[in-house]
Amino acid sequence: MKSNATTVAEYVGELPAERQAALKKVRSLIRKAGPKPTESIHYGMPVYDVNHLVCGLASQKNYMALYVCEPEIVDAHRDALGKLNCGKGCIRFRTVDELPLDAISQILEEAGAKGNGA
Protein backbone atom coordinates (compact mmCIF):
# COMPACT_ATOMS: atom_id res chain seq x y z
CA MET A 1 0.00 0.00 0.00
CA LYS A 2 1.50 3.33 -1.02
CA SER A 3 0.85 5.86 1.70
CA ASN A 4 1.18 9.62 1.85
CA ALA A 5 1.29 9.56 5.67
CA THR A 6 3.89 11.79 7.29
CA THR A 7 3.97 9.99 10.66
CA VAL A 8 3.92 6.36 11.71
CA ALA A 9 0.72 6.90 13.68
CA GLU A 10 -0.92 8.30 10.53
CA TYR A 11 0.33 5.35 8.47
CA VAL A 12 -1.02 2.80 10.94
CA GLY A 13 -4.28 4.75 11.32
CA GLU A 14 -5.00 4.42 7.59
CA LEU A 15 -5.08 0.61 7.82
CA PRO A 16 -7.98 -1.75 8.52
CA ALA A 17 -8.31 -2.64 12.23
CA GLU A 18 -6.76 -6.12 11.91
CA ARG A 19 -3.66 -4.74 10.21
CA GLN A 20 -3.43 -1.87 12.68
CA ALA A 21 -3.27 -4.38 15.53
CA ALA A 22 -0.64 -6.48 13.74
CA LEU A 23 1.64 -3.57 12.90
CA LYS A 24 1.23 -2.10 16.39
CA LYS A 25 2.42 -5.43 17.83
CA VAL A 26 5.47 -5.53 15.56
CA ARG A 27 6.12 -1.82 16.23
CA SER A 28 6.13 -2.62 19.95
CA LEU A 29 8.69 -5.41 19.40
CA ILE A 30 10.92 -3.02 17.43
CA ARG A 31 10.82 -0.47 20.24
CA LYS A 32 11.73 -3.09 22.88
CA ALA A 33 14.47 -4.82 20.89
CA GLY A 34 17.42 -2.71 21.93
CA PRO A 35 18.47 0.91 21.79
CA LYS A 36 15.50 3.21 21.29
CA PRO A 37 15.07 3.64 17.53
CA THR A 38 14.20 6.83 15.72
CA GLU A 39 10.88 6.27 13.99
CA SER A 40 10.04 8.03 10.72
CA ILE A 41 8.42 7.61 7.33
CA HIS A 42 10.67 6.90 4.35
CA TYR A 43 9.97 5.03 1.14
CA GLY A 44 6.24 5.44 1.96
CA MET A 45 6.46 3.24 5.07
CA PRO A 46 7.55 3.35 8.71
CA VAL A 47 11.30 2.89 9.19
CA TYR A 48 13.42 2.56 12.32
CA ASP A 49 16.94 3.89 12.76
CA VAL A 50 19.55 3.35 15.50
CA ASN A 51 22.68 5.03 14.08
CA HIS A 52 21.80 3.08 10.92
CA LEU A 53 18.61 1.92 9.24
CA VAL A 54 17.46 -1.16 11.17
CA CYS A 55 14.12 -2.09 9.63
CA GLY A 56 10.91 -1.00 7.98
CA LEU A 57 7.27 -2.08 8.15
CA ALA A 58 4.71 -2.11 5.38
CA SER A 59 1.18 -3.15 4.65
CA GLN A 60 0.98 -4.49 1.11
CA LYS A 61 -2.12 -5.60 -0.79
CA ASN A 62 -1.95 -9.28 0.21
CA TYR A 63 0.39 -9.28 3.20
CA MET A 64 2.33 -7.23 5.71
CA ALA A 65 6.11 -7.17 5.75
CA LEU A 66 8.98 -6.54 8.10
CA TYR A 67 12.03 -5.41 6.13
CA VAL A 68 15.22 -6.09 8.08
CA CYS A 69 18.19 -4.14 6.74
CA GLU A 70 20.64 -6.89 7.68
CA PRO A 71 19.64 -9.82 5.42
CA GLU A 72 22.29 -12.14 6.88
CA ILE A 73 20.52 -11.91 10.25
CA VAL A 74 17.23 -13.03 8.69
CA ASP A 75 19.10 -15.88 6.96
CA ALA A 76 20.57 -17.00 10.28
CA HIS A 77 17.05 -17.35 11.72
CA ARG A 78 15.29 -18.99 8.74
CA ASP A 79 14.61 -22.22 10.63
CA ALA A 80 12.92 -20.30 13.46
CA LEU A 81 10.78 -18.41 10.92
CA GLY A 82 9.27 -21.69 9.78
CA LYS A 83 7.06 -21.54 6.71
CA LEU A 84 6.87 -17.74 6.53
CA ASN A 85 7.51 -16.31 3.09
CA CYS A 86 10.90 -14.62 3.37
CA GLY A 87 12.97 -12.75 0.83
CA LYS A 88 16.34 -11.11 1.19
CA GLY A 89 15.78 -9.33 4.51
CA CYS A 90 11.99 -9.39 4.07
CA ILE A 91 9.62 -11.34 6.33
CA ARG A 92 6.07 -11.48 4.92
CA PHE A 93 3.06 -12.34 7.05
CA ARG A 94 -0.74 -12.16 6.78
CA THR A 95 -1.50 -12.06 10.51
CA VAL A 96 0.59 -11.34 13.57
CA ASP A 97 -0.30 -14.84 14.84
CA GLU A 98 1.91 -16.29 12.07
CA LEU A 99 4.98 -14.56 13.48
CA PRO A 100 7.26 -16.44 15.86
CA LEU A 101 7.56 -13.42 18.17
CA ASP A 102 10.63 -14.69 20.04
CA ALA A 103 12.52 -15.13 16.76
CA ILE A 104 11.37 -11.73 15.48
CA SER A 105 12.53 -10.10 18.73
CA GLN A 106 15.93 -11.79 18.42
CA ILE A 107 16.29 -10.69 14.78
CA LEU A 108 15.41 -7.10 15.68
CA GLU A 109 17.79 -7.08 18.64
CA GLU A 110 20.67 -8.34 16.48
CA ALA A 111 19.89 -5.89 13.67
CA GLY A 112 19.73 -2.97 16.11
CA ALA A 113 23.03 -3.92 17.69
CA LYS A 114 24.80 -4.31 14.34
CA GLY A 115 25.23 -0.56 13.81
CA ASN A 116 26.40 -0.02 17.36
CA GLY A 117 29.62 -1.98 16.92
CA ALA A 118 28.22 -5.27 18.18
C-alpha atoms as a PDB file:
ATOM      1  CA  MET A   1       0.000   0.000   0.000  1.00  0.00           C
ATOM      2  CA  LYS A   2       1.501   3.331  -1.020  1.00  0.00           C
ATOM      3  CA  SER A   3       0.847   5.857   1.699  1.00  0.00           C
ATOM      4  CA  ASN A   4       1.183   9.624   1.852  1.00  0.00           C
ATOM      5  CA  ALA A   5       1.286   9.560   5.665  1.00  0.00           C
ATOM      6  CA  THR A   6       3.891  11.787   7.293  1.00  0.00           C
ATOM      7  CA  THR A   7       3.974   9.989  10.661  1.00  0.00           C
ATOM      8  CA  VAL A   8       3.925   6.361  11.706  1.00  0.00           C
ATOM      9  CA  ALA A   9       0.722   6.904  13.682  1.00  0.00           C
ATOM     10  CA  GLU A  10      -0.922   8.301  10.527  1.00  0.00           C
ATOM     11  CA  TYR A  11       0.328   5.352   8.472  1.00  0.00           C
ATOM     12  CA  VAL A  12      -1.025   2.797  10.942  1.00  0.00           C
ATOM     13  CA  GLY A  13      -4.278   4.752  11.323  1.00  0.00           C
ATOM     14  CA  GLU A  14      -5.001   4.419   7.588  1.00  0.00           C
ATOM     15  CA  LEU A  15      -5.079   0.615   7.822  1.00  0.00           C
ATOM     16  CA  PRO A  16      -7.981  -1.753   8.519  1.00  0.00           C
ATOM     17  CA  ALA A  17      -8.306  -2.637  12.233  1.00  0.00           C
ATOM     18  CA  GLU A  18      -6.755  -6.122  11.913  1.00  0.00           C
ATOM     19  CA  ARG A  19      -3.656  -4.741  10.211  1.00  0.00           C
ATOM     20  CA  GLN A  20      -3.431  -1.872  12.684  1.00  0.00           C
ATOM     21  CA  ALA A  21      -3.275  -4.384  15.529  1.00  0.00           C
ATOM     22  CA  ALA A  22      -0.641  -6.485  13.743  1.00  0.00           C
ATOM     23  CA  LEU A  23       1.636  -3.568  12.902  1.00  0.00           C
ATOM     24  CA  LYS A  24       1.230  -2.096  16.392  1.00  0.00           C
ATOM     25  CA  LYS A  25       2.423  -5.427  17.831  1.00  0.00           C
ATOM     26  CA  VAL A  26       5.475  -5.528  15.561  1.00  0.00           C
ATOM     27  CA  ARG A  27       6.116  -1.824  16.229  1.00  0.00           C
ATOM     28  CA  SER A  28       6.135  -2.625  19.951  1.00  0.00           C
ATOM     29  CA  LEU A  29       8.692  -5.406  19.398  1.00  0.00           C
ATOM     30  CA  ILE A  30      10.917  -3.023  17.434  1.00  0.00           C
ATOM     31  CA  ARG A  31      10.817  -0.465  20.240  1.00  0.00           C
ATOM     32  CA  LYS A  32      11.727  -3.088  22.875  1.00  0.00           C
ATOM     33  CA  ALA A  33      14.474  -4.821  20.890  1.00  0.00           C
ATOM     34  CA  GLY A  34      17.425  -2.708  21.929  1.00  0.00           C
ATOM     35  CA  PRO A  35      18.474   0.909  21.787  1.00  0.00           C
ATOM     36  CA  LYS A  36      15.495   3.209  21.287  1.00  0.00           C
ATOM     37  CA  PRO A  37      15.069   3.641  17.528  1.00  0.00           C
ATOM     38  CA  THR A  38      14.202   6.832  15.718  1.00  0.00           C
ATOM     39  CA  GLU A  39      10.875   6.273  13.992  1.00  0.00           C
ATOM     40  CA  SER A  40      10.044   8.029  10.725  1.00  0.00           C
ATOM     41  CA  ILE A  41       8.417   7.610   7.331  1.00  0.00           C
ATOM     42  CA  HIS A  42      10.667   6.896   4.354  1.00  0.00           C
ATOM     43  CA  TYR A  43       9.966   5.035   1.140  1.00  0.00           C
ATOM     44  CA  GLY A  44       6.236   5.438   1.962  1.00  0.00           C
ATOM     45  CA  MET A  45       6.460   3.236   5.065  1.00  0.00           C
ATOM     46  CA  PRO A  46       7.554   3.352   8.709  1.00  0.00           C
ATOM     47  CA  VAL A  47      11.302   2.888   9.192  1.00  0.00           C
ATOM     48  CA  TYR A  48      13.422   2.558  12.316  1.00  0.00           C
ATOM     49  CA  ASP A  49      16.943   3.891  12.757  1.00  0.00           C
ATOM     50  CA  VAL A  50      19.553   3.350  15.495  1.00  0.00           C
ATOM     51  CA  ASN A  51      22.677   5.031  14.076  1.00  0.00           C
ATOM     52  CA  HIS A  52      21.798   3.079  10.918  1.00  0.00           C
ATOM     53  CA  LEU A  53      18.607   1.915   9.236  1.00  0.00           C
ATOM     54  CA  VAL A  54      17.460  -1.163  11.167  1.00  0.00           C
ATOM     55  CA  CYS A  55      14.122  -2.091   9.628  1.00  0.00           C
ATOM     56  CA  GLY A  56      10.905  -0.995   7.984  1.00  0.00           C
ATOM     57  CA  LEU A  57       7.273  -2.076   8.155  1.00  0.00           C
ATOM     58  CA  ALA A  58       4.710  -2.111   5.378  1.00  0.00           C
ATOM     59  CA  SER A  59       1.180  -3.151   4.652  1.00  0.00           C
ATOM     60  CA  GLN A  60       0.975  -4.490   1.107  1.00  0.00           C
ATOM     61  CA  LYS A  61      -2.118  -5.597  -0.793  1.00  0.00           C
ATOM     62  CA  ASN A  62      -1.947  -9.279   0.211  1.00  0.00           C
ATOM     63  CA  TYR A  63       0.394  -9.283   3.199  1.00  0.00           C
ATOM     64  CA  MET A  64       2.334  -7.226   5.715  1.00  0.00           C
ATOM     65  CA  ALA A  65       6.106  -7.173   5.752  1.00  0.00           C
ATOM     66  CA  LEU A  66       8.984  -6.543   8.095  1.00  0.00           C
ATOM     67  CA  TYR A  67      12.030  -5.413   6.130  1.00  0.00           C
ATOM     68  CA  VAL A  68      15.222  -6.091   8.078  1.00  0.00           C
ATOM     69  CA  CYS A  69      18.188  -4.137   6.740  1.00  0.00           C
ATOM     70  CA  GLU A  70      20.637  -6.888   7.684  1.00  0.00           C
ATOM     71  CA  PRO A  71      19.642  -9.823   5.425  1.00  0.00           C
ATOM     72  CA  GLU A  72      22.288 -12.138   6.883  1.00  0.00           C
ATOM     73  CA  ILE A  73      20.517 -11.914  10.254  1.00  0.00           C
ATOM     74  CA  VAL A  74      17.229 -13.025   8.685  1.00  0.00           C
ATOM     75  CA  ASP A  75      19.098 -15.879   6.963  1.00  0.00           C
ATOM     76  CA  ALA A  76      20.571 -16.998  10.284  1.00  0.00           C
ATOM     77  CA  HIS A  77      17.047 -17.352  11.724  1.00  0.00           C
ATOM     78  CA  ARG A  78      15.293 -18.988   8.744  1.00  0.00           C
ATOM     79  CA  ASP A  79      14.609 -22.216  10.632  1.00  0.00           C
ATOM     80  CA  ALA A  80      12.918 -20.303  13.464  1.00  0.00           C
ATOM     81  CA  LEU A  81      10.777 -18.408  10.923  1.00  0.00           C
ATOM     82  CA  GLY A  82       9.268 -21.693   9.781  1.00  0.00           C
ATOM     83  CA  LYS A  83       7.061 -21.535   6.711  1.00  0.00           C
ATOM     84  CA  LEU A  84       6.868 -17.743   6.531  1.00  0.00           C
ATOM     85  CA  ASN A  85       7.506 -16.311   3.095  1.00  0.00           C
ATOM     86  CA  CYS A  86      10.899 -14.615   3.366  1.00  0.00           C
ATOM     87  CA  GLY A  87      12.967 -12.750   0.834  1.00  0.00           C
ATOM     88  CA  LYS A  88      16.345 -11.109   1.190  1.00  0.00           C
ATOM     89  CA  GLY A  89      15.779  -9.329   4.508  1.00  0.00           C
ATOM     90  CA  CYS A  90      11.993  -9.393   4.074  1.00  0.00           C
ATOM     91  CA  ILE A  91       9.623 -11.344   6.326  1.00  0.00           C
ATOM     92  CA  ARG A  92       6.072 -11.479   4.917  1.00  0.00           C
ATOM     93  CA  PHE A  93       3.061 -12.337   7.051  1.00  0.00           C
ATOM     94  CA  ARG A  94      -0.744 -12.157   6.784  1.00  0.00           C
ATOM     95  CA  THR A  95      -1.495 -12.065  10.512  1.00  0.00           C
ATOM     96  CA  VAL A  96       0.593 -11.338  13.572  1.00  0.00           C
ATOM     97  CA  ASP A  97      -0.300 -14.836  14.835  1.00  0.00           C
ATOM     98  CA  GLU A  98       1.909 -16.287  12.068  1.00  0.00           C
ATOM     99  CA  LEU A  99       4.983 -14.561  13.477  1.00  0.00           C
ATOM    100  CA  PRO A 100       7.260 -16.443  15.865  1.00  0.00           C
ATOM    101  CA  LEU A 101       7.558 -13.419  18.169  1.00  0.00           C
ATOM    102  CA  ASP A 102      10.634 -14.686  20.039  1.00  0.00           C
ATOM    103  CA  ALA A 103      12.524 -15.133  16.761  1.00  0.00           C
ATOM    104  CA  ILE A 104      11.369 -11.726  15.479  1.00  0.00           C
ATOM    105  CA  SER A 105      12.533 -10.099  18.726  1.00  0.00           C
ATOM    106  CA  GLN A 106      15.930 -11.789  18.416  1.00  0.00           C
ATOM    107  CA  ILE A 107      16.290 -10.694  14.782  1.00  0.00           C
ATOM    108  CA  LEU A 108      15.411  -7.096  15.678  1.00  0.00           C
ATOM    109  CA  GLU A 109      17.789  -7.084  18.640  1.00  0.00           C
ATOM    110  CA  GLU A 110      20.671  -8.340  16.476  1.00  0.00           C
ATOM    111  CA  ALA A 111      19.886  -5.889  13.674  1.00  0.00           C
ATOM    112  CA  GLY A 112      19.733  -2.974  16.110  1.00  0.00           C
ATOM    113  CA  ALA A 113      23.031  -3.925  17.693  1.00  0.00           C
ATOM    114  CA  LYS A 114      24.803  -4.315  14.339  1.00  0.00           C
ATOM    115  CA  GLY A 115      25.235  -0.565  13.811  1.00  0.00           C
ATOM    116  CA  ASN A 116      26.402  -0.017  17.362  1.00  0.00           C
ATOM    117  CA  GLY A 117      29.618  -1.983  16.917  1.00  0.00           C
ATOM    118  CA  ALA A 118      28.215  -5.270  18.184  1.00  0.00           C
END
